[in-house]
Structure formats: C-alpha cells, structure tokens
C-alpha cells in the first residue's frame, strides 16, 4: 500500500515554497524507505555537515530546536540521524518536521511531518530538499508522552 507523502522545498530568500510528492511505502519493511539514505563518502555525494541542536521550546505537542543557520553551499537537504529517546533508548523512531524561518519576520513555513527511524547511527532521513544556503530553520519533533516529563529525543541534523 502506498501513501502520498510530501517533501517541501523552499526558496527562503524569495519566500516561495513548492511541494514535491514522493511515494512512501507503509509496509513495516519500507516505512521510511522513500526518505532514508545511508551515508556514504562518495565523490558525487553531497557534503552535509552534522549539528546536534539544543531544544528551545515546547508548543502544541512538539519540541523545537534552537534556530540553525548553516552556510554549507555543498548541501541542499536537511536530514536527521542518530534518533534516540533518552528515557527509552530502544525507541529509535520519531516524527519530525522543519520550520523554515523568514528573514523579514513573517510566520515560518513548515514542511510536512516525516516519520524517521534510525536503526543504525548512519541512517539519515531527509526532511527537506532544495534548501538554499543561509536558510535559518528549526527542527521539530512530535512528542509521544509528557508525563512524568516531556519526552527528550537526541538526534543529529545534517545540513
């Protein structure tokens, strides 16, 4: 069974957003196959750099990272890897989205939520593509529980 997922691309400097449909399998073996790539250092691969953002705030069932700005012109995607619930280390899946922040104070533009899993620390899940150099953004994850304390998820952002 297939489900239509949407990967949002942004031209933040111009405030234009385009949606590109991507087929995503919902079978257990292919839950994140449409969005997941293994990391390889090949000559043709993008040179994305990792960052471990700090949590900034909680709102509407989601935890947002501190703003991230990266000037890496060799990478046009935003991906996550190394996903792990701090209280439940066996839980390596979470739903993420990206808030693309505007430079002129307008409301952020959000990508569609993507279910990401890290069976290994090298597995990356793409959250957004076509992101221009210098774009400021936040990565948000939807929490699964708030009691006795809000869920804390560790992850690495690749940009």
N, C-alpha and C. Protein backbone atom coordinates (compact mmCIF):
# COMPACT_ATOMS: atom_id res chain seq x y z
N UNK A 1 0.84 -1.17 0.00
CA UNK A 1 0.00 0.00 0.00
C UNK A 1 0.89 1.24 0.00
N UNK A 2 0.53 2.20 -0.80
CA UNK A 2 1.32 3.41 -0.88
C UNK A 2 0.57 4.58 -0.28
N UNK A 3 1.31 5.49 0.22
CA UNK A 3 0.75 6.69 0.81
C UNK A 3 1.51 7.87 0.22
N UNK A 4 0.81 8.92 -0.08
CA UNK A 4 1.47 10.08 -0.66
C UNK A 4 2.03 10.94 0.45
N UNK A 5 3.32 11.13 0.41
CA UNK A 5 3.98 12.00 1.38
C UNK A 5 4.43 13.23 0.62
N UNK A 6 4.77 14.24 1.33
CA UNK A 6 5.15 15.48 0.68
C UNK A 6 6.45 15.98 1.27
N UNK A 7 7.42 16.20 0.43
CA UNK A 7 8.66 16.80 0.85
C UNK A 7 8.63 18.24 0.35
N UNK A 8 8.73 19.14 1.26
CA UNK A 8 8.62 20.55 0.92
C UNK A 8 10.00 21.10 0.60
N UNK A 9 10.07 21.83 -0.47
CA UNK A 9 11.31 22.52 -0.80
C UNK A 9 11.06 24.01 -0.65
N UNK A 10 12.07 24.72 -0.28
CA UNK A 10 11.88 26.14 -0.01
C UNK A 10 12.92 27.00 -0.70
N UNK A 11 12.48 28.11 -1.18
CA UNK A 11 13.37 29.15 -1.65
C UNK A 11 13.16 30.30 -0.67
N UNK A 12 13.80 30.21 0.48
CA UNK A 12 13.53 31.11 1.58
C UNK A 12 13.80 32.57 1.23
N UNK A 13 14.81 32.80 0.44
CA UNK A 13 15.12 34.17 0.09
C UNK A 13 13.98 34.84 -0.67
N UNK A 14 13.22 34.06 -1.43
CA UNK A 14 12.13 34.62 -2.21
C UNK A 14 10.78 34.33 -1.57
N UNK A 15 10.76 33.56 -0.49
CA UNK A 15 9.50 33.25 0.18
C UNK A 15 8.60 32.32 -0.62
N UNK A 16 9.18 31.56 -1.55
CA UNK A 16 8.41 30.65 -2.40
C UNK A 16 8.57 29.24 -1.86
N UNK A 17 7.49 28.50 -1.79
CA UNK A 17 7.54 27.11 -1.34
C UNK A 17 6.90 26.24 -2.40
N UNK A 18 7.54 25.13 -2.74
CA UNK A 18 6.99 24.19 -3.71
C UNK A 18 6.92 22.82 -3.06
N UNK A 19 5.89 22.07 -3.34
CA UNK A 19 5.74 20.72 -2.78
C UNK A 19 6.02 19.70 -3.86
N UNK A 20 6.82 18.71 -3.53
CA UNK A 20 7.13 17.64 -4.45
C UNK A 20 6.61 16.34 -3.87
N UNK A 21 5.64 15.66 -4.52
CA UNK A 21 5.14 14.42 -3.95
C UNK A 21 6.16 13.31 -4.08
N UNK A 22 6.21 12.47 -3.05
CA UNK A 22 7.10 11.33 -3.02
C UNK A 22 6.30 10.13 -2.56
N UNK A 23 6.44 9.00 -3.24
CA UNK A 23 5.72 7.80 -2.81
C UNK A 23 6.42 7.21 -1.61
N UNK A 24 5.67 6.91 -0.57
CA UNK A 24 6.22 6.30 0.64
C UNK A 24 5.48 5.00 0.91
N UNK A 25 6.21 3.94 1.15
CA UNK A 25 5.61 2.66 1.45
C UNK A 25 5.22 2.61 2.91
N UNK A 26 4.11 2.01 3.22
CA UNK A 26 3.68 1.92 4.61
C UNK A 26 3.83 0.51 5.17
N UNK A 27 4.45 -0.37 4.43
CA UNK A 27 4.69 -1.70 4.98
C UNK A 27 5.81 -1.59 6.01
N UNK A 28 5.87 -2.53 6.93
CA UNK A 28 6.85 -2.48 8.01
C UNK A 28 8.28 -2.41 7.48
N UNK A 29 8.56 -3.12 6.42
CA UNK A 29 9.92 -3.16 5.88
C UNK A 29 10.30 -1.87 5.16
N UNK A 30 9.33 -1.10 4.73
CA UNK A 30 9.62 0.09 3.94
C UNK A 30 9.04 1.36 4.52
N UNK A 31 8.87 1.45 5.81
CA UNK A 31 8.22 2.60 6.43
C UNK A 31 8.88 3.91 6.06
N UNK A 32 10.20 3.97 6.06
CA UNK A 32 10.89 5.22 5.76
C UNK A 32 11.74 5.13 4.50
N UNK A 33 11.52 4.12 3.69
CA UNK A 33 12.38 3.90 2.53
C UNK A 33 12.40 5.07 1.56
N UNK A 34 11.31 5.79 1.43
CA UNK A 34 11.26 6.90 0.48
C UNK A 34 12.08 8.08 0.95
N UNK A 35 12.40 8.13 2.25
CA UNK A 35 13.09 9.28 2.79
C UNK A 35 14.46 8.95 3.36
N UNK A 36 14.82 7.71 3.46
CA UNK A 36 16.02 7.30 4.18
C UNK A 36 17.15 6.97 3.22
N UNK A 37 18.33 7.44 3.58
CA UNK A 37 19.52 7.11 2.81
C UNK A 37 20.64 6.76 3.77
N UNK A 38 21.49 5.86 3.37
CA UNK A 38 22.67 5.55 4.17
C UNK A 38 23.75 6.55 3.82
N UNK A 39 24.62 6.83 4.76
CA UNK A 39 25.68 7.80 4.50
C UNK A 39 26.85 7.09 3.85
N UNK A 40 27.33 7.64 2.78
CA UNK A 40 28.50 7.12 2.08
C UNK A 40 29.34 8.31 1.66
N UNK A 41 30.63 8.20 1.75
CA UNK A 41 31.52 9.26 1.30
C UNK A 41 31.96 8.98 -0.12
N UNK A 42 31.07 9.24 -1.06
CA UNK A 42 31.42 9.05 -2.46
C UNK A 42 31.65 10.42 -3.08
N UNK A 43 32.34 10.44 -4.18
CA UNK A 43 32.68 11.71 -4.83
C UNK A 43 31.45 12.50 -5.22
N UNK A 44 30.36 11.83 -5.61
CA UNK A 44 29.17 12.52 -6.05
C UNK A 44 28.20 12.89 -4.93
N UNK A 45 28.45 12.42 -3.72
CA UNK A 45 27.53 12.67 -2.61
C UNK A 45 27.65 14.10 -2.11
N UNK A 46 26.54 14.64 -1.62
CA UNK A 46 26.58 15.96 -1.03
C UNK A 46 27.43 15.93 0.22
N UNK A 47 28.06 17.02 0.53
CA UNK A 47 28.91 17.12 1.71
C UNK A 47 28.15 17.86 2.81
N UNK A 48 27.22 17.15 3.43
CA UNK A 48 26.43 17.73 4.51
C UNK A 48 27.20 17.60 5.82
N UNK A 49 27.04 18.59 6.69
CA UNK A 49 27.75 18.60 7.96
C UNK A 49 26.75 18.41 9.11
N UNK A 50 27.18 17.73 10.19
CA UNK A 50 26.28 17.45 11.30
C UNK A 50 26.24 18.56 12.34
N UNK A 51 25.10 18.67 13.01
CA UNK A 51 24.94 19.56 14.16
C UNK A 51 23.97 18.89 15.13
N UNK A 52 24.23 19.04 16.43
CA UNK A 52 23.33 18.49 17.47
C UNK A 52 22.64 19.67 18.13
N UNK A 53 21.47 20.07 17.63
CA UNK A 53 20.82 21.26 18.17
C UNK A 53 20.25 21.05 19.57
N UNK A 54 20.26 22.10 20.35
CA UNK A 54 19.64 22.07 21.68
C UNK A 54 18.14 22.31 21.54
N UNK A 55 17.38 21.75 22.47
CA UNK A 55 15.93 22.00 22.48
C UNK A 55 15.72 23.45 22.93
N UNK A 56 14.72 24.11 22.32
CA UNK A 56 14.47 25.51 22.65
C UNK A 56 13.14 25.71 23.36
N UNK A 57 12.05 25.11 22.83
CA UNK A 57 10.76 25.29 23.48
C UNK A 57 9.79 24.18 23.10
N UNK A 58 8.72 24.08 23.90
CA UNK A 58 7.64 23.12 23.67
C UNK A 58 6.39 23.90 23.30
N UNK A 59 5.68 23.45 22.26
CA UNK A 59 4.40 24.07 21.89
C UNK A 59 3.61 23.08 21.04
N UNK A 60 2.34 22.95 21.36
CA UNK A 60 1.43 22.15 20.54
C UNK A 60 1.85 20.70 20.35
N UNK A 61 2.42 20.07 21.38
CA UNK A 61 2.80 18.67 21.28
C UNK A 61 4.12 18.43 20.57
N UNK A 62 4.88 19.50 20.35
CA UNK A 62 6.17 19.36 19.66
C UNK A 62 7.26 20.11 20.42
N UNK A 63 8.47 19.60 20.29
CA UNK A 63 9.65 20.26 20.84
C UNK A 63 10.44 20.82 19.66
N UNK A 64 10.79 22.11 19.75
CA UNK A 64 11.53 22.77 18.67
C UNK A 64 12.99 22.95 19.06
N UNK A 65 13.85 22.79 18.09
CA UNK A 65 15.28 23.03 18.32
C UNK A 65 15.54 24.54 18.34
N UNK A 66 16.69 24.89 18.84
CA UNK A 66 17.16 26.26 18.70
C UNK A 66 17.33 26.53 17.20
N UNK A 67 17.26 27.78 16.77
CA UNK A 67 17.45 28.08 15.34
C UNK A 67 18.81 27.59 14.84
N UNK A 68 18.80 27.06 13.63
CA UNK A 68 20.02 26.56 12.99
C UNK A 68 20.23 27.38 11.71
N UNK A 69 21.43 27.90 11.53
CA UNK A 69 21.79 28.57 10.29
C UNK A 69 23.07 27.91 9.81
N UNK A 70 23.05 27.46 8.59
CA UNK A 70 24.24 26.81 8.06
C UNK A 70 24.52 27.39 6.69
N UNK A 71 25.73 27.72 6.46
CA UNK A 71 26.13 28.32 5.18
C UNK A 71 26.82 27.30 4.28
N UNK A 72 26.51 26.02 4.46
CA UNK A 72 27.12 24.95 3.69
C UNK A 72 26.50 24.90 2.29
N UNK A 73 27.16 25.48 1.33
CA UNK A 73 26.65 25.54 -0.04
C UNK A 73 26.68 24.17 -0.73
N UNK A 74 27.40 23.21 -0.17
CA UNK A 74 27.51 21.89 -0.81
C UNK A 74 26.38 20.96 -0.43
N UNK A 75 25.47 21.40 0.44
CA UNK A 75 24.37 20.55 0.90
C UNK A 75 23.06 21.32 0.79
N UNK A 76 22.09 20.75 0.10
CA UNK A 76 20.80 21.43 -0.09
C UNK A 76 19.65 20.69 0.58
N UNK A 77 19.98 19.72 1.45
CA UNK A 77 18.95 18.97 2.16
C UNK A 77 19.08 19.20 3.66
N UNK A 78 17.99 18.91 4.37
CA UNK A 78 18.01 18.85 5.82
C UNK A 78 17.61 17.42 6.18
N UNK A 79 18.49 16.72 6.88
CA UNK A 79 18.26 15.32 7.25
C UNK A 79 18.49 15.15 8.74
N UNK A 80 17.98 14.03 9.27
CA UNK A 80 18.25 13.67 10.66
C UNK A 80 18.79 12.25 10.73
N UNK A 81 19.57 11.98 11.76
CA UNK A 81 20.11 10.65 12.01
C UNK A 81 20.31 10.48 13.51
N UNK A 82 20.70 9.28 13.92
CA UNK A 82 21.01 9.03 15.32
C UNK A 82 19.86 9.32 16.27
N UNK A 83 18.65 9.02 15.85
CA UNK A 83 17.45 9.32 16.64
C UNK A 83 17.36 8.33 17.81
N UNK A 84 17.15 8.88 19.03
CA UNK A 84 17.06 8.02 20.21
C UNK A 84 16.31 8.74 21.32
N UNK A 85 15.29 8.10 21.86
CA UNK A 85 14.57 8.61 23.03
C UNK A 85 15.48 8.40 24.24
N UNK A 86 15.75 9.46 24.99
CA UNK A 86 16.68 9.38 26.11
C UNK A 86 16.17 8.42 27.20
N UNK A 87 14.88 8.46 27.49
CA UNK A 87 14.31 7.60 28.54
C UNK A 87 14.04 6.18 28.07
N UNK A 88 13.88 6.01 26.78
CA UNK A 88 13.58 4.69 26.19
C UNK A 88 14.53 4.46 25.02
N UNK A 89 15.77 4.09 25.29
CA UNK A 89 16.80 4.00 24.24
C UNK A 89 16.47 3.06 23.09
N UNK A 90 15.58 2.10 23.31
CA UNK A 90 15.18 1.19 22.23
C UNK A 90 14.25 1.88 21.23
N UNK A 91 13.67 3.03 21.61
CA UNK A 91 12.79 3.80 20.71
C UNK A 91 13.65 4.67 19.81
N UNK A 92 13.77 4.28 18.55
CA UNK A 92 14.63 4.99 17.61
C UNK A 92 13.85 5.61 16.46
N UNK A 93 12.55 5.85 16.66
CA UNK A 93 11.70 6.48 15.64
C UNK A 93 10.99 7.70 16.21
N UNK A 94 10.80 8.69 15.37
CA UNK A 94 10.11 9.91 15.79
C UNK A 94 9.57 10.61 14.55
N UNK A 95 8.55 11.44 14.74
CA UNK A 95 8.00 12.24 13.64
C UNK A 95 8.60 13.64 13.72
N UNK A 96 9.24 14.05 12.61
CA UNK A 96 9.93 15.34 12.53
C UNK A 96 9.30 16.22 11.45
N UNK A 97 9.50 17.52 11.59
CA UNK A 97 9.23 18.47 10.53
C UNK A 97 10.19 19.64 10.69
N UNK A 98 10.25 20.48 9.68
CA UNK A 98 11.17 21.61 9.67
C UNK A 98 10.36 22.90 9.58
N UNK A 99 10.75 23.88 10.39
CA UNK A 99 10.18 25.23 10.32
C UNK A 99 11.23 26.11 9.64
N UNK A 100 10.92 26.56 8.42
CA UNK A 100 11.82 27.44 7.69
C UNK A 100 11.49 28.87 8.11
N UNK A 101 12.47 29.54 8.72
CA UNK A 101 12.25 30.87 9.27
C UNK A 101 12.49 31.93 8.21
N UNK A 102 11.65 32.95 8.20
CA UNK A 102 11.80 34.02 7.21
C UNK A 102 12.75 35.08 7.77
N UNK A 103 13.40 35.78 6.88
CA UNK A 103 14.32 36.84 7.29
C UNK A 103 13.59 38.15 7.54
N UNK A 104 12.35 38.26 7.12
CA UNK A 104 11.60 39.51 7.27
C UNK A 104 10.53 39.47 8.35
N UNK A 105 10.58 38.46 9.24
CA UNK A 105 9.66 38.41 10.36
C UNK A 105 8.31 37.76 10.10
N UNK A 106 8.09 37.26 8.89
CA UNK A 106 6.83 36.55 8.62
C UNK A 106 6.80 35.23 9.36
N UNK A 107 5.62 34.62 9.43
CA UNK A 107 5.48 33.33 10.08
C UNK A 107 6.34 32.29 9.36
N UNK A 108 6.83 31.28 10.09
CA UNK A 108 7.63 30.23 9.46
C UNK A 108 6.80 29.42 8.46
N UNK A 109 7.49 28.80 7.53
CA UNK A 109 6.90 27.84 6.61
C UNK A 109 7.29 26.46 7.10
N UNK A 110 6.30 25.55 7.23
CA UNK A 110 6.55 24.22 7.78
C UNK A 110 6.51 23.16 6.68
N UNK A 111 7.39 22.19 6.81
CA UNK A 111 7.34 21.03 5.92
C UNK A 111 6.28 20.07 6.46
N UNK A 112 5.94 19.09 5.65
CA UNK A 112 5.03 18.04 6.10
C UNK A 112 5.78 17.15 7.10
N UNK A 113 5.09 16.62 8.11
CA UNK A 113 5.75 15.70 9.05
C UNK A 113 6.26 14.44 8.35
N UNK A 114 7.42 13.97 8.79
CA UNK A 114 8.05 12.76 8.25
C UNK A 114 8.40 11.84 9.40
N UNK A 115 8.00 10.59 9.30
CA UNK A 115 8.35 9.58 10.30
C UNK A 115 9.77 9.12 10.00
N UNK A 116 10.68 9.31 10.96
CA UNK A 116 12.08 8.97 10.77
C UNK A 116 12.51 7.94 11.79
N UNK A 117 13.28 6.96 11.34
CA UNK A 117 13.81 5.92 12.23
C UNK A 117 15.31 5.79 12.00
N UNK A 118 16.03 5.46 13.06
CA UNK A 118 17.48 5.26 12.98
C UNK A 118 17.85 3.86 13.47
N UNK A 119 17.66 2.85 12.62
CA UNK A 119 18.07 1.51 13.04
C UNK A 119 19.58 1.45 13.30
N UNK A 120 20.35 2.31 12.61
CA UNK A 120 21.78 2.48 12.87
C UNK A 120 22.05 3.98 12.93
N UNK A 121 23.16 4.37 13.53
CA UNK A 121 23.50 5.79 13.61
C UNK A 121 23.84 6.39 12.25
N UNK A 122 24.11 5.57 11.27
CA UNK A 122 24.46 6.07 9.93
C UNK A 122 23.25 6.29 9.02
N UNK A 123 22.08 5.90 9.45
CA UNK A 123 20.88 6.05 8.62
C UNK A 123 20.35 7.47 8.74
N UNK A 124 20.23 8.15 7.59
CA UNK A 124 19.70 9.51 7.57
C UNK A 124 18.33 9.52 6.93
N UNK A 125 17.45 10.37 7.44
CA UNK A 125 16.13 10.56 6.86
C UNK A 125 16.01 12.00 6.42
N UNK A 126 15.69 12.21 5.16
CA UNK A 126 15.58 13.55 4.59
C UNK A 126 14.26 14.18 5.01
N UNK A 127 14.33 15.39 5.55
CA UNK A 127 13.15 16.14 5.96
C UNK A 127 12.79 17.22 4.95
N UNK A 128 13.77 17.78 4.27
CA UNK A 128 13.53 18.84 3.28
C UNK A 128 14.62 18.82 2.24
N UNK A 129 14.26 19.18 1.01
CA UNK A 129 15.23 19.25 -0.09
C UNK A 129 15.17 20.63 -0.73
N UNK A 130 16.18 20.97 -1.50
CA UNK A 130 16.20 22.24 -2.21
C UNK A 130 16.31 23.44 -1.28
N UNK A 131 16.97 23.27 -0.15
CA UNK A 131 17.08 24.36 0.84
C UNK A 131 18.29 25.24 0.48
N UNK A 132 18.04 26.53 0.24
CA UNK A 132 19.14 27.42 -0.15
C UNK A 132 20.16 27.64 0.98
N UNK A 133 21.39 27.92 0.61
CA UNK A 133 22.44 28.24 1.56
C UNK A 133 22.02 29.44 2.39
N UNK A 134 22.28 29.39 3.69
CA UNK A 134 21.99 30.51 4.58
C UNK A 134 20.58 30.51 5.16
N UNK A 135 19.78 29.51 4.82
CA UNK A 135 18.42 29.44 5.36
C UNK A 135 18.48 29.16 6.86
N UNK A 136 17.70 29.91 7.63
CA UNK A 136 17.60 29.67 9.06
C UNK A 136 16.37 28.80 9.29
N UNK A 137 16.51 27.77 10.12
CA UNK A 137 15.41 26.83 10.34
C UNK A 137 15.47 26.23 11.73
N UNK A 138 14.37 25.60 12.12
CA UNK A 138 14.28 24.82 13.35
C UNK A 138 13.82 23.42 12.96
N UNK A 139 14.28 22.42 13.68
CA UNK A 139 13.78 21.06 13.51
C UNK A 139 12.87 20.79 14.70
N UNK A 140 11.66 20.30 14.42
CA UNK A 140 10.70 20.00 15.48
C UNK A 140 10.40 18.50 15.47
N UNK A 141 10.17 17.94 16.64
CA UNK A 141 9.70 16.56 16.71
C UNK A 141 8.46 16.49 17.57
N UNK A 142 7.57 15.62 17.16
CA UNK A 142 6.32 15.41 17.89
C UNK A 142 6.59 14.47 19.05
N UNK A 143 6.18 14.88 20.26
CA UNK A 143 6.45 14.04 21.42
C UNK A 143 5.38 12.98 21.59
N UNK A 144 5.78 11.84 22.16
CA UNK A 144 4.88 10.72 22.38
C UNK A 144 4.28 10.73 23.78
N UNK A 145 4.93 11.43 24.72
CA UNK A 145 4.42 11.48 26.09
C UNK A 145 4.94 12.75 26.78
N UNK A 146 4.18 13.20 27.80
CA UNK A 146 4.60 14.36 28.58
C UNK A 146 4.66 14.07 30.08
N UNK A 147 4.23 12.87 30.47
CA UNK A 147 4.18 12.54 31.88
C UNK A 147 5.11 11.36 32.15
N UNK A 148 6.00 11.40 33.06
CA UNK A 148 6.18 12.37 34.13
C UNK A 148 6.93 13.62 33.69
N UNK A 149 7.60 13.57 32.55
CA UNK A 149 8.28 14.73 31.97
C UNK A 149 8.17 14.62 30.46
N UNK A 150 8.21 15.76 29.75
CA UNK A 150 8.13 15.68 28.28
C UNK A 150 9.26 14.82 27.71
N UNK A 151 8.93 14.08 26.67
CA UNK A 151 9.89 13.21 26.00
C UNK A 151 11.08 14.02 25.50
N UNK A 152 12.27 13.47 25.70
CA UNK A 152 13.50 14.07 25.18
C UNK A 152 14.08 13.13 24.15
N UNK A 153 14.31 13.64 22.95
CA UNK A 153 14.85 12.85 21.85
C UNK A 153 16.19 13.45 21.44
N UNK A 154 17.19 12.62 21.35
CA UNK A 154 18.50 13.04 20.83
C UNK A 154 18.55 12.69 19.35
N UNK A 155 19.11 13.59 18.56
CA UNK A 155 19.22 13.37 17.12
C UNK A 155 20.29 14.30 16.58
N UNK A 156 20.76 13.98 15.39
CA UNK A 156 21.73 14.82 14.69
C UNK A 156 21.07 15.36 13.43
N UNK A 157 21.26 16.64 13.17
CA UNK A 157 20.76 17.27 11.95
C UNK A 157 21.93 17.38 10.99
N UNK A 158 21.68 17.02 9.74
CA UNK A 158 22.69 17.11 8.67
C UNK A 158 22.27 18.21 7.72
N UNK A 159 23.15 19.18 7.51
CA UNK A 159 22.87 20.30 6.61
C UNK A 159 24.13 20.75 5.96
